């Protein structure tokens, strides 16, 4: 099918209003170009603390009452890392496996849940071990006592919960 408007515009010397990919009837979309660039870097935008990591907890029934739970994304935001990094840490034994799991809605697997106390303990240990200082890629987590201290904190929280 011929585009008569485009052909006539090119004969008349005007720029055609619609353009097609060469040899195709598919139109080239002309989306407006973003002229203003966000002054924040992508890393700052990803870990923007305007809401805080604990802004939207999942309140779930637990032992006859209700309790706040947070997903791995909340933990990632609190540690200023990506959720993928934390899944890798969990699989590699850097942090203990999530104590609470709920069945996932898809075949992608179960959802990891953490309590407020667990996340606060991990964040406090990370700060004490210097994981928030400088460039996170420059710190080798294996050179710190982060793993052992987090495991001890999880065990202490588990025993505290069992006693209650």
Protein backbone atom coordinates (compact mmCIF):
# COMPACT_ATOMS: atom_id res chain seq x y z
CA UNK A 1 0.00 0.00 0.00
CA UNK A 2 1.38 3.40 -0.93
CA UNK A 3 1.39 6.37 1.36
CA UNK A 4 0.29 9.12 -1.02
CA UNK A 5 0.59 11.89 1.57
CA UNK A 6 4.21 11.01 2.20
CA UNK A 7 5.04 10.77 -1.50
CA UNK A 8 3.30 14.04 -2.33
CA UNK A 9 5.04 15.79 0.60
CA UNK A 10 8.44 14.60 -0.64
CA UNK A 11 7.66 15.83 -4.18
CA UNK A 12 6.46 19.18 -2.84
CA UNK A 13 9.60 19.46 -0.72
CA UNK A 14 7.84 19.21 2.62
CA UNK A 15 8.86 16.89 5.40
CA UNK A 16 6.38 14.03 5.67
CA UNK A 17 4.41 13.94 8.90
CA UNK A 18 4.53 10.16 9.21
CA UNK A 19 7.52 8.06 8.39
CA UNK A 20 7.88 4.35 7.85
CA UNK A 21 10.77 2.00 8.41
CA UNK A 22 12.55 1.32 5.09
CA UNK A 23 10.77 -1.41 3.12
CA UNK A 24 8.02 -1.70 5.73
CA UNK A 25 4.52 -0.49 6.37
CA UNK A 26 5.33 -0.08 10.07
CA UNK A 27 5.29 3.54 11.17
CA UNK A 28 8.22 5.11 13.03
CA UNK A 29 6.93 6.37 16.32
CA UNK A 30 7.98 9.84 17.27
CA UNK A 31 7.95 10.01 21.02
CA UNK A 32 8.97 13.25 22.65
CA UNK A 33 12.60 13.26 23.72
CA UNK A 34 13.19 13.74 27.43
CA UNK A 35 15.08 16.97 27.68
CA UNK A 36 15.30 17.38 31.43
CA UNK A 37 17.60 14.92 33.16
CA UNK A 38 16.90 13.89 36.73
CA UNK A 39 19.69 15.38 38.85
CA UNK A 40 19.74 12.38 41.17
CA UNK A 41 21.78 9.42 40.08
CA UNK A 42 20.09 6.10 39.41
CA UNK A 43 21.54 4.68 42.63
CA UNK A 44 20.10 7.51 44.71
CA UNK A 45 16.74 7.20 43.01
CA UNK A 46 16.67 3.45 43.65
CA UNK A 47 17.39 3.85 47.35
CA UNK A 48 15.45 7.03 47.97
CA UNK A 49 14.67 7.13 51.67
CA UNK A 50 11.68 9.46 51.51
CA UNK A 51 9.35 6.61 52.51
CA UNK A 52 11.87 4.60 54.49
CA UNK A 53 12.26 0.86 54.30
CA UNK A 54 9.44 0.24 56.78
CA UNK A 55 6.78 2.37 55.09
CA UNK A 56 4.53 -0.47 53.92
CA UNK A 57 4.74 -3.56 56.13
CA UNK A 58 2.70 -6.68 55.46
CA UNK A 59 0.52 -7.29 58.51
CA UNK A 60 -0.23 -11.00 58.74
CA UNK A 61 -1.87 -13.27 61.29
CA UNK A 62 0.73 -14.87 63.53
CA UNK A 63 0.19 -17.05 66.64
CA UNK A 64 -3.27 -15.76 67.45
CA UNK A 65 -2.43 -12.12 66.74
CA UNK A 66 -1.00 -9.98 64.00
CA UNK A 67 2.60 -9.17 63.20
CA UNK A 68 4.48 -6.92 60.79
CA UNK A 69 6.52 -8.64 58.12
CA UNK A 70 8.73 -7.15 55.46
CA UNK A 71 9.83 -8.59 52.13
CA UNK A 72 13.33 -8.90 50.75
CA UNK A 73 12.85 -5.60 48.92
CA UNK A 74 12.42 -3.84 52.26
CA UNK A 75 15.59 -5.46 53.59
CA UNK A 76 17.41 -4.48 50.40
CA UNK A 77 16.32 -0.86 50.76
CA UNK A 78 17.41 -0.82 54.40
CA UNK A 79 20.86 -2.17 53.46
CA UNK A 80 21.13 0.06 50.36
CA UNK A 81 21.56 -2.96 48.12
CA UNK A 82 19.47 -4.66 45.43
CA UNK A 83 17.16 -7.56 46.23
CA UNK A 84 19.15 -9.69 43.78
CA UNK A 85 22.27 -9.13 45.89
CA UNK A 86 20.49 -10.25 49.03
CA UNK A 87 19.15 -13.39 47.34
CA UNK A 88 22.71 -14.14 46.29
CA UNK A 89 23.95 -13.51 49.84
CA UNK A 90 21.28 -15.86 51.16
CA UNK A 91 22.16 -18.62 48.70
CA UNK A 92 25.88 -18.14 49.45
CA UNK A 93 25.38 -18.26 53.21
CA UNK A 94 26.37 -14.63 53.85
CA UNK A 95 23.03 -14.03 55.58
CA UNK A 96 20.80 -16.75 57.05
CA UNK A 97 17.78 -17.95 55.12
CA UNK A 98 14.58 -16.07 55.83
CA UNK A 99 12.85 -17.40 58.93
CA UNK A 100 9.37 -16.83 57.54
CA UNK A 101 8.12 -17.89 54.12
CA UNK A 102 4.75 -17.66 52.47
CA UNK A 103 3.71 -19.54 49.40
CA UNK A 104 4.26 -17.54 46.26
CA UNK A 105 1.37 -16.83 43.92
CA UNK A 106 3.36 -17.92 40.90
CA UNK A 107 5.81 -20.69 40.13
CA UNK A 108 8.71 -18.33 40.88
CA UNK A 109 8.94 -19.60 44.45
CA UNK A 110 8.09 -18.63 47.98
CA UNK A 111 8.26 -15.09 49.34
CA UNK A 112 10.87 -14.36 51.99
CA UNK A 113 9.61 -12.41 54.98
CA UNK A 114 11.56 -10.75 57.78
CA UNK A 115 10.43 -9.17 61.03
CA UNK A 116 11.22 -5.61 62.01
CA UNK A 117 13.62 -6.87 64.68
CA UNK A 118 15.54 -8.98 62.16
CA UNK A 119 15.96 -6.11 59.70
CA UNK A 120 16.97 -3.65 62.42
CA UNK A 121 19.56 -6.14 63.72
CA UNK A 122 21.02 -6.69 60.24
CA UNK A 123 21.17 -2.95 59.55
CA UNK A 124 22.83 -2.24 62.90
CA UNK A 125 25.46 -4.94 62.31
CA UNK A 126 26.07 -3.70 58.77
CA UNK A 127 26.65 -0.18 60.07
CA UNK A 128 29.01 -1.41 62.78
CA UNK A 129 30.96 -3.49 60.26
CA UNK A 130 31.34 -0.51 57.93
CA UNK A 131 29.22 -1.79 55.05
CA UNK A 132 27.65 1.65 54.59
CA UNK A 133 31.00 3.45 54.40
CA UNK A 134 32.14 4.48 50.93
CA UNK A 135 31.58 2.46 47.78
CA UNK A 136 29.78 -0.84 48.53
CA UNK A 137 31.75 -2.60 45.79
CA UNK A 138 35.01 -1.75 47.55
CA UNK A 139 34.12 -3.63 50.75
CA UNK A 140 34.64 -7.36 50.84
CA UNK A 141 31.98 -8.77 53.08
CA UNK A 142 34.14 -11.85 53.72
CA UNK A 143 36.73 -9.60 55.41
CA UNK A 144 34.22 -8.60 58.09
CA UNK A 145 32.41 -10.45 60.89
CA UNK A 146 29.07 -9.56 59.33
CA UNK A 147 27.97 -13.13 58.58
CA UNK A 148 28.72 -14.55 62.02
CA UNK A 149 27.16 -11.61 63.81
CA UNK A 150 23.96 -11.76 61.74
CA UNK A 151 23.62 -15.51 62.37
CA UNK A 152 24.08 -14.92 66.12
CA UNK A 153 21.46 -12.15 66.02
CA UNK A 154 18.97 -14.40 64.22
CA UNK A 155 19.55 -17.19 66.76
CA UNK A 156 19.08 -14.74 69.66
CA UNK A 157 15.85 -13.45 68.15
CA UNK A 158 14.62 -17.00 67.56
CA UNK A 159 15.32 -18.04 71.16
CA UNK A 160 13.74 -14.81 72.45
CA UNK A 161 10.59 -15.55 70.42
CA UNK A 162 10.46 -19.16 71.60
CA UNK A 163 10.67 -18.01 75.23
CA UNK A 164 7.79 -15.55 74.77
